[in-house]
């Protein structure tokens, strides 16, 4: 679990990125003013990605930062939780893509409006 309560390196103030409001003290994410309803673990994964805005974060790095250990071989936990986060964000703002997959590498948080072709 992220040490957001005790780690002085983790920003505690509310941040806004492209219509997404991140409230670390409340473990809440709001999209266009609507609560995404993330669980603690989902919030932690989202927070890891958002703090590294527009940078690809590898699956093992996400696992290590959130679960505080080395990712077991063939573990799919990160993928499962990212899918859940995406679904909840999509319910709040279906015209946006927030988390992008970089196949074989990891994920990147960079909000983009979906094109009409999507």
C-alpha atoms as a PDB file:
ATOM      1  CA  UNK A   1       0.000   0.000   0.000  1.00  0.00           C
ATOM      2  CA  UNK A   2       1.194   3.488  -0.726  1.00  0.00           C
ATOM      3  CA  UNK A   3       2.366   5.264   2.356  1.00  0.00           C
ATOM      4  CA  UNK A   4       0.356   8.377   1.529  1.00  0.00           C
ATOM      5  CA  UNK A   5      -0.275   9.114   5.213  1.00  0.00           C
ATOM      6  CA  UNK A   6       3.352   8.877   6.309  1.00  0.00           C
ATOM      7  CA  UNK A   7       5.506   9.499   3.231  1.00  0.00           C
ATOM      8  CA  UNK A   8       6.488  13.172   2.976  1.00  0.00           C
ATOM      9  CA  UNK A   9       7.283  12.633  -0.727  1.00  0.00           C
ATOM     10  CA  UNK A  10       3.624  11.958  -1.590  1.00  0.00           C
ATOM     11  CA  UNK A  11       1.802  15.230  -2.317  1.00  0.00           C
ATOM     12  CA  UNK A  12      -1.265  15.620  -0.136  1.00  0.00           C
ATOM     13  CA  UNK A  13      -2.890  18.580  -1.889  1.00  0.00           C
ATOM     14  CA  UNK A  14      -5.728  18.291  -4.366  1.00  0.00           C
ATOM     15  CA  UNK A  15      -4.514  18.165  -7.970  1.00  0.00           C
ATOM     16  CA  UNK A  16      -6.440  18.744 -11.166  1.00  0.00           C
ATOM     17  CA  UNK A  17      -5.420  17.288 -14.512  1.00  0.00           C
ATOM     18  CA  UNK A  18      -7.685  17.637 -17.567  1.00  0.00           C
ATOM     19  CA  UNK A  19     -10.984  17.524 -15.667  1.00  0.00           C
ATOM     20  CA  UNK A  20      -9.718  14.889 -13.218  1.00  0.00           C
ATOM     21  CA  UNK A  21      -9.486  15.946  -9.584  1.00  0.00           C
ATOM     22  CA  UNK A  22      -7.261  13.853  -7.342  1.00  0.00           C
ATOM     23  CA  UNK A  23      -7.806  14.103  -3.580  1.00  0.00           C
ATOM     24  CA  UNK A  24      -5.056  12.038  -1.895  1.00  0.00           C
ATOM     25  CA  UNK A  25      -6.228  12.759   1.661  1.00  0.00           C
ATOM     26  CA  UNK A  26      -9.668  11.354   0.831  1.00  0.00           C
ATOM     27  CA  UNK A  27      -8.429   8.611  -1.539  1.00  0.00           C
ATOM     28  CA  UNK A  28     -10.891  10.048  -4.053  1.00  0.00           C
ATOM     29  CA  UNK A  29     -10.839  10.744  -7.770  1.00  0.00           C
ATOM     30  CA  UNK A  30     -13.468  12.976  -9.351  1.00  0.00           C
ATOM     31  CA  UNK A  31     -14.008  13.153 -13.094  1.00  0.00           C
ATOM     32  CA  UNK A  32     -15.960  16.191 -14.259  1.00  0.00           C
ATOM     33  CA  UNK A  33     -17.167  16.569 -10.671  1.00  0.00           C
ATOM     34  CA  UNK A  34     -18.369  12.953 -10.340  1.00  0.00           C
ATOM     35  CA  UNK A  35     -16.791  10.563  -7.853  1.00  0.00           C
ATOM     36  CA  UNK A  36     -15.219   7.618  -9.629  1.00  0.00           C
ATOM     37  CA  UNK A  37     -15.804   5.354  -6.618  1.00  0.00           C
ATOM     38  CA  UNK A  38     -12.358   3.761  -6.662  1.00  0.00           C
ATOM     39  CA  UNK A  39     -11.402   1.276  -3.987  1.00  0.00           C
ATOM     40  CA  UNK A  40      -8.225   1.960  -2.001  1.00  0.00           C
ATOM     41  CA  UNK A  41      -6.141  -0.343  -4.218  1.00  0.00           C
ATOM     42  CA  UNK A  42      -7.646   1.162  -7.387  1.00  0.00           C
ATOM     43  CA  UNK A  43      -6.874   4.644  -6.088  1.00  0.00           C
ATOM     44  CA  UNK A  44      -3.286   3.651  -5.355  1.00  0.00           C
ATOM     45  CA  UNK A  45      -2.768   2.401  -8.906  1.00  0.00           C
ATOM     46  CA  UNK A  46      -4.417   5.482 -10.361  1.00  0.00           C
ATOM     47  CA  UNK A  47      -2.271   7.704  -8.132  1.00  0.00           C
ATOM     48  CA  UNK A  48       0.951   5.997  -9.283  1.00  0.00           C
ATOM     49  CA  UNK A  49       0.011   6.646 -12.913  1.00  0.00           C
ATOM     50  CA  UNK A  50      -1.253  10.195 -12.371  1.00  0.00           C
ATOM     51  CA  UNK A  51       1.880  11.219 -10.484  1.00  0.00           C
ATOM     52  CA  UNK A  52       3.870  10.145 -13.536  1.00  0.00           C
ATOM     53  CA  UNK A  53       1.635  12.048 -15.942  1.00  0.00           C
ATOM     54  CA  UNK A  54       2.195  11.160 -19.611  1.00  0.00           C
ATOM     55  CA  UNK A  55       5.017   8.727 -18.803  1.00  0.00           C
ATOM     56  CA  UNK A  56       4.825   4.982 -19.318  1.00  0.00           C
ATOM     57  CA  UNK A  57       5.028   3.105 -16.029  1.00  0.00           C
ATOM     58  CA  UNK A  58       5.949  -0.560 -16.290  1.00  0.00           C
ATOM     59  CA  UNK A  59       3.718  -3.213 -14.798  1.00  0.00           C
ATOM     60  CA  UNK A  60       6.485  -4.399 -12.407  1.00  0.00           C
ATOM     61  CA  UNK A  61       7.057  -0.796 -11.252  1.00  0.00           C
ATOM     62  CA  UNK A  62       3.345  -0.302 -10.587  1.00  0.00           C
ATOM     63  CA  UNK A  63       3.223  -3.579  -8.689  1.00  0.00           C
ATOM     64  CA  UNK A  64       6.265  -2.720  -6.601  1.00  0.00           C
ATOM     65  CA  UNK A  65       4.982   0.763  -5.725  1.00  0.00           C
ATOM     66  CA  UNK A  66       1.483  -0.417  -4.789  1.00  0.00           C
ATOM     67  CA  UNK A  67       2.045  -3.876  -3.305  1.00  0.00           C
ATOM     68  CA  UNK A  68       5.513  -3.049  -1.915  1.00  0.00           C
ATOM     69  CA  UNK A  69       7.151  -6.151  -3.315  1.00  0.00           C
ATOM     70  CA  UNK A  70       8.431  -7.800  -6.443  1.00  0.00           C
ATOM     71  CA  UNK A  71       5.768  -8.813  -8.952  1.00  0.00           C
ATOM     72  CA  UNK A  72       5.426 -12.601  -9.150  1.00  0.00           C
ATOM     73  CA  UNK A  73       6.050 -14.160 -12.564  1.00  0.00           C
ATOM     74  CA  UNK A  74       2.934 -14.076 -14.763  1.00  0.00           C
ATOM     75  CA  UNK A  75       0.960 -12.090 -12.165  1.00  0.00           C
ATOM     76  CA  UNK A  76      -1.933 -10.188 -13.757  1.00  0.00           C
ATOM     77  CA  UNK A  77      -3.004  -8.142 -10.719  1.00  0.00           C
ATOM     78  CA  UNK A  78      -1.943  -4.817 -12.228  1.00  0.00           C
ATOM     79  CA  UNK A  79      -3.880  -5.520 -15.427  1.00  0.00           C
ATOM     80  CA  UNK A  80      -7.010  -6.522 -13.525  1.00  0.00           C
ATOM     81  CA  UNK A  81      -6.954  -3.395 -11.372  1.00  0.00           C
ATOM     82  CA  UNK A  82      -6.190  -1.078 -14.306  1.00  0.00           C
ATOM     83  CA  UNK A  83      -9.198  -2.552 -16.117  1.00  0.00           C
ATOM     84  CA  UNK A  84     -11.393  -1.801 -13.084  1.00  0.00           C
ATOM     85  CA  UNK A  85     -10.070   1.769 -12.849  1.00  0.00           C
ATOM     86  CA  UNK A  86     -10.667   2.337 -16.562  1.00  0.00           C
ATOM     87  CA  UNK A  87     -14.231   1.061 -16.274  1.00  0.00           C
ATOM     88  CA  UNK A  88     -15.036   3.399 -13.384  1.00  0.00           C
ATOM     89  CA  UNK A  89     -13.454   6.409 -15.097  1.00  0.00           C
ATOM     90  CA  UNK A  90     -15.334   5.548 -18.286  1.00  0.00           C
ATOM     91  CA  UNK A  91     -18.643   5.582 -16.399  1.00  0.00           C
ATOM     92  CA  UNK A  92     -17.879   9.166 -15.323  1.00  0.00           C
ATOM     93  CA  UNK A  93     -16.637  10.394 -18.703  1.00  0.00           C
ATOM     94  CA  UNK A  94     -17.338   7.976 -21.560  1.00  0.00           C
ATOM     95  CA  UNK A  95     -15.959  10.385 -24.192  1.00  0.00           C
ATOM     96  CA  UNK A  96     -12.474  10.286 -22.673  1.00  0.00           C
ATOM     97  CA  UNK A  97      -9.620   7.828 -22.498  1.00  0.00           C
ATOM     98  CA  UNK A  98      -7.494   8.299 -19.382  1.00  0.00           C
ATOM     99  CA  UNK A  99      -5.172   5.311 -19.203  1.00  0.00           C
ATOM    100  CA  UNK A 100      -3.325   4.071 -22.268  1.00  0.00           C
ATOM    101  CA  UNK A 101      -1.813   0.607 -22.656  1.00  0.00           C
ATOM    102  CA  UNK A 102       1.715   0.195 -23.955  1.00  0.00           C
ATOM    103  CA  UNK A 103       1.634  -3.497 -24.818  1.00  0.00           C
ATOM    104  CA  UNK A 104       4.400  -5.532 -23.270  1.00  0.00           C
ATOM    105  CA  UNK A 105       5.524  -2.558 -21.177  1.00  0.00           C
ATOM    106  CA  UNK A 106       2.890  -0.929 -18.956  1.00  0.00           C
ATOM    107  CA  UNK A 107       0.459   1.966 -18.729  1.00  0.00           C
ATOM    108  CA  UNK A 108       0.403   5.743 -19.155  1.00  0.00           C
ATOM    109  CA  UNK A 109      -2.022   8.304 -17.708  1.00  0.00           C
ATOM    110  CA  UNK A 110      -2.748  11.004 -20.283  1.00  0.00           C
ATOM    111  CA  UNK A 111      -6.391  12.094 -20.653  1.00  0.00           C
ATOM    112  CA  UNK A 112      -7.489  12.346 -24.289  1.00  0.00           C
ATOM    113  CA  UNK A 113     -10.880  12.909 -25.834  1.00  0.00           C
ATOM    114  CA  UNK A 114     -11.966   9.865 -27.853  1.00  0.00           C
ATOM    115  CA  UNK A 115     -12.295  10.367 -31.574  1.00  0.00           C
ATOM    116  CA  UNK A 116     -15.541   9.688 -33.412  1.00  0.00           C
ATOM    117  CA  UNK A 117     -13.892   6.552 -34.856  1.00  0.00           C
ATOM    118  CA  UNK A 118     -13.367   4.908 -31.412  1.00  0.00           C
END
